[in-house]
Amino acid sequence: MAGHVHSLLKANEIDCHLRNMNLSGGIGELPINECWPEVWVNDESDYAFAKRLIDNVLADAENQGDWQCQCGELIEGQFDVCWSCATERSN
């Protein structure tokens, strides 16, 4: 998810960077909340726009209902391609 958010912000020309992307191996030795991947917006003036973008993308993902593929698999709404037969969701 952090990588997706980072790509979304970069595509909208918001200067940002990823942190903690390689710390998952430290969970247990380090506190888990210190190992979570994070996306940081470098310019505070971009924060409000970045937050709106992220909120809109997450809201769109939540509004996508589960769907039944032609092969019979029930696919979660956030996916547009069936994991079993690679058929794309029909609109």
Protein backbone atom coordinates (compact mmCIF):
# COMPACT_ATOMS: atom_id res chain seq x y z
CA MET A 1 0.00 0.00 0.00
CA ALA A 2 2.84 2.40 0.80
CA GLY A 3 4.33 1.78 -2.64
CA HIS A 4 0.96 2.45 -4.27
CA VAL A 5 0.49 5.70 -2.34
CA HIS A 6 4.06 6.75 -3.20
CA SER A 7 3.39 6.12 -6.92
CA LEU A 8 0.10 8.00 -6.75
CA LEU A 9 1.75 11.05 -5.21
CA LYS A 10 4.70 10.96 -7.63
CA ALA A 11 2.27 10.71 -10.58
CA ASN A 12 0.65 13.91 -9.29
CA GLU A 13 4.04 15.62 -9.01
CA ILE A 14 4.13 15.63 -5.22
CA ASP A 15 7.67 15.33 -3.88
CA CYS A 16 7.69 12.47 -1.38
CA HIS A 17 9.77 9.55 -0.19
CA LEU A 18 9.37 6.11 1.36
CA ARG A 19 10.68 5.22 4.79
CA ASN A 20 11.08 1.89 6.62
CA MET A 21 10.54 -0.23 3.50
CA ASN A 22 13.14 -2.80 4.62
CA LEU A 23 12.49 -2.93 8.35
CA SER A 24 9.94 -5.76 8.44
CA GLY A 25 12.75 -8.18 9.33
CA GLY A 26 13.34 -6.21 12.51
CA ILE A 27 9.83 -6.79 13.88
CA GLY A 28 10.22 -8.49 17.21
CA GLU A 29 13.55 -6.85 17.94
CA LEU A 30 12.14 -3.40 17.19
CA PRO A 31 8.66 -2.11 18.06
CA ILE A 32 6.22 -2.97 15.26
CA ASN A 33 5.01 0.61 14.89
CA GLU A 34 8.62 1.67 14.21
CA CYS A 35 8.85 -0.82 11.32
CA TRP A 36 5.72 0.12 9.36
CA PRO A 37 6.36 1.49 5.86
CA GLU A 38 5.67 5.21 5.66
CA VAL A 39 5.22 7.76 2.89
CA TRP A 40 6.48 11.22 3.74
CA VAL A 41 5.52 14.34 1.80
CA ASN A 42 8.64 16.49 1.55
CA ASP A 43 6.94 19.89 1.17
CA GLU A 44 4.37 20.68 3.86
CA SER A 45 2.45 22.88 1.42
CA ASP A 46 1.66 19.71 -0.61
CA TYR A 47 0.22 17.86 2.38
CA ALA A 48 -3.45 18.87 1.99
CA PHE A 49 -3.49 17.96 -1.72
CA ALA A 50 -1.71 14.67 -1.03
CA LYS A 51 -4.20 13.77 1.70
CA ARG A 52 -7.16 14.50 -0.60
CA LEU A 53 -5.65 12.28 -3.32
CA ILE A 54 -5.07 9.41 -0.91
CA ASP A 55 -8.51 9.75 0.69
CA ASN A 56 -10.20 9.73 -2.74
CA VAL A 57 -8.33 6.62 -3.87
CA LEU A 58 -9.12 4.77 -0.65
CA ALA A 59 -12.80 5.79 -0.82
CA ASP A 60 -13.02 4.56 -4.42
CA ALA A 61 -11.48 1.23 -3.40
CA GLU A 62 -13.96 0.81 -0.54
CA ASN A 63 -16.90 1.57 -2.83
CA GLN A 64 -15.99 -1.22 -5.24
CA GLY A 65 -18.20 -4.17 -4.38
CA ASP A 66 -17.10 -7.77 -4.62
CA TRP A 67 -17.79 -9.34 -8.00
CA GLN A 68 -18.33 -12.80 -9.42
CA CYS A 69 -16.07 -13.80 -12.30
CA GLN A 70 -17.37 -15.79 -15.26
CA CYS A 71 -15.30 -18.73 -13.95
CA GLY A 72 -17.29 -18.67 -10.71
CA GLU A 73 -14.68 -17.15 -8.38
CA LEU A 74 -15.80 -14.43 -5.97
CA ILE A 75 -13.31 -11.57 -6.27
CA GLU A 76 -12.85 -8.78 -3.71
CA GLY A 77 -13.91 -5.37 -4.98
CA GLN A 78 -10.48 -3.77 -5.02
CA PHE A 79 -9.30 -6.22 -7.71
CA ASP A 80 -10.12 -5.70 -11.38
CA VAL A 81 -8.73 -9.03 -12.61
CA CYS A 82 -9.68 -12.53 -11.52
CA TRP A 83 -6.83 -14.28 -9.70
CA SER A 84 -7.93 -17.65 -11.06
CA CYS A 85 -8.46 -17.11 -14.80
CA ALA A 86 -7.12 -13.55 -15.39
CA THR A 87 -10.46 -12.28 -16.76
CA GLU A 88 -10.94 -8.55 -16.29
CA ARG A 89 -13.95 -7.21 -14.42
CA SER A 90 -16.74 -6.18 -16.78
CA ASN A 91 -18.27 -2.79 -16.06
